[in-house]
Amino acid sequence: MTLEEAQIIARETLAASDKIETHEESVIEFYKDLAQKHKRFENLYTKVKGDILRSREVTAYRDALSAIDSGNIDAAHKIAQTALNTTANETAIVK
């Protein structure tokens, strides 16, 4: 694979990741609104939100491990720290 091919693939992957994350935010907002209107859906909202946050966290840790494997410890630290901060902020948000 050439560098140019790798760059194209990376751009396509990042664009898809952005779309997926935007979709996930829409799903979270849908269930949040539903739970606010109908209290019986609070548990479902909490579960969906938790599942999505865990998935994002696992992805970040895989990225950090990949950076470590590549010898880029600074990038790994930054990835892990960002994931921890993001997760802490998202789980601290009150419904």
Protein backbone atom coordinates (compact mmCIF):
# COMPACT_ATOMS: atom_id res chain seq x y z
CA MET A 1 0.00 0.00 0.00
CA THR A 2 1.35 3.40 -0.89
CA LEU A 3 1.39 6.37 1.45
CA GLU A 4 -1.23 8.08 -0.70
CA GLU A 5 -3.53 5.06 -0.49
CA ALA A 6 -3.09 4.90 3.28
CA GLN A 7 -3.93 8.60 3.58
CA ILE A 8 -7.09 8.17 1.49
CA ILE A 9 -8.17 5.22 3.63
CA ALA A 10 -7.44 7.18 6.81
CA ARG A 11 -9.55 10.13 5.60
CA GLU A 12 -12.43 7.83 4.65
CA THR A 13 -12.24 6.07 8.00
CA LEU A 14 -12.22 9.34 9.94
CA ALA A 15 -15.20 10.62 7.95
CA ALA A 16 -17.12 7.42 8.70
CA SER A 17 -16.15 7.66 12.38
CA ASP A 18 -17.52 11.20 12.53
CA LYS A 19 -20.81 10.06 10.98
CA ILE A 20 -21.07 7.16 13.42
CA GLU A 21 -20.39 9.40 16.40
CA THR A 22 -22.96 11.93 15.20
CA HIS A 23 -25.49 9.10 14.83
CA GLU A 24 -24.68 7.82 18.31
CA GLU A 25 -25.28 11.31 19.72
CA SER A 26 -28.67 11.37 17.96
CA VAL A 27 -29.57 8.00 19.48
CA ILE A 28 -28.55 9.19 22.96
CA GLU A 29 -30.58 12.39 22.56
CA PHE A 30 -33.62 10.43 21.34
CA TYR A 31 -33.60 8.19 24.41
CA LYS A 32 -32.86 11.11 26.71
CA ASP A 33 -35.88 13.01 25.39
CA LEU A 34 -38.03 9.88 25.62
CA ALA A 35 -36.93 9.29 29.22
CA GLN A 36 -37.65 12.89 30.17
CA LYS A 37 -41.16 12.65 28.73
CA HIS A 38 -41.87 9.11 29.95
CA LYS A 39 -40.06 8.14 33.14
CA ARG A 40 -40.42 4.42 32.45
CA PHE A 41 -37.73 4.77 29.76
CA GLU A 42 -35.04 6.13 32.11
CA ASN A 43 -33.43 2.70 32.51
CA LEU A 44 -33.33 2.18 28.76
CA TYR A 45 -31.75 5.61 28.26
CA THR A 46 -29.14 4.86 30.92
CA LYS A 47 -28.35 1.50 29.31
CA VAL A 48 -28.07 2.86 25.76
CA LYS A 49 -25.92 5.77 26.87
CA GLY A 50 -23.67 3.49 28.92
CA ASP A 51 -23.26 1.03 26.05
CA ILE A 52 -22.25 3.79 23.65
CA LEU A 53 -19.83 5.35 26.15
CA ARG A 54 -18.21 1.97 26.86
CA SER A 55 -17.83 1.34 23.14
CA ARG A 56 -16.11 4.70 22.68
CA GLU A 57 -13.86 4.01 25.65
CA VAL A 58 -12.82 0.59 24.30
CA THR A 59 -12.04 2.14 20.92
CA ALA A 60 -9.89 4.80 22.57
CA TYR A 61 -7.98 2.21 24.60
CA ARG A 62 -7.36 0.15 21.47
CA ASP A 63 -6.06 3.28 19.77
CA ALA A 64 -3.80 3.95 22.76
CA LEU A 65 -2.46 0.38 22.70
CA SER A 66 -1.82 0.70 18.98
CA ALA A 67 0.11 3.92 19.62
CA ILE A 68 2.14 2.18 22.33
CA ASP A 69 2.84 -0.71 19.97
CA SER A 70 4.09 1.84 17.41
CA GLY A 71 6.36 3.36 20.04
CA ASN A 72 4.41 6.59 20.32
CA ILE A 73 3.98 6.78 24.08
CA ASP A 74 3.06 10.49 24.08
CA ALA A 75 0.19 9.89 21.67
CA ALA A 76 -0.97 6.90 23.71
CA HIS A 77 -1.00 8.99 26.87
CA LYS A 78 -2.95 11.76 25.15
CA ILE A 79 -5.50 9.29 23.74
CA ALA A 80 -6.02 7.60 27.10
CA GLN A 81 -6.23 10.89 29.00
CA THR A 82 -8.76 12.30 26.53
CA ALA A 83 -10.86 9.14 26.79
CA LEU A 84 -10.84 9.28 30.57
CA ASN A 85 -11.75 12.97 30.65
CA THR A 86 -14.49 12.55 28.05
CA THR A 87 -16.00 9.56 29.83
CA ALA A 88 -15.89 11.36 33.18
CA ASN A 89 -17.59 14.41 31.70
CA GLU A 90 -20.25 12.43 29.85
CA THR A 91 -21.13 10.23 32.81
CA ALA A 92 -21.26 13.24 35.14
CA ILE A 93 -23.95 14.95 33.06
CA VAL A 94 -27.25 14.93 34.88
CA LYS A 95 -30.23 13.58 32.93
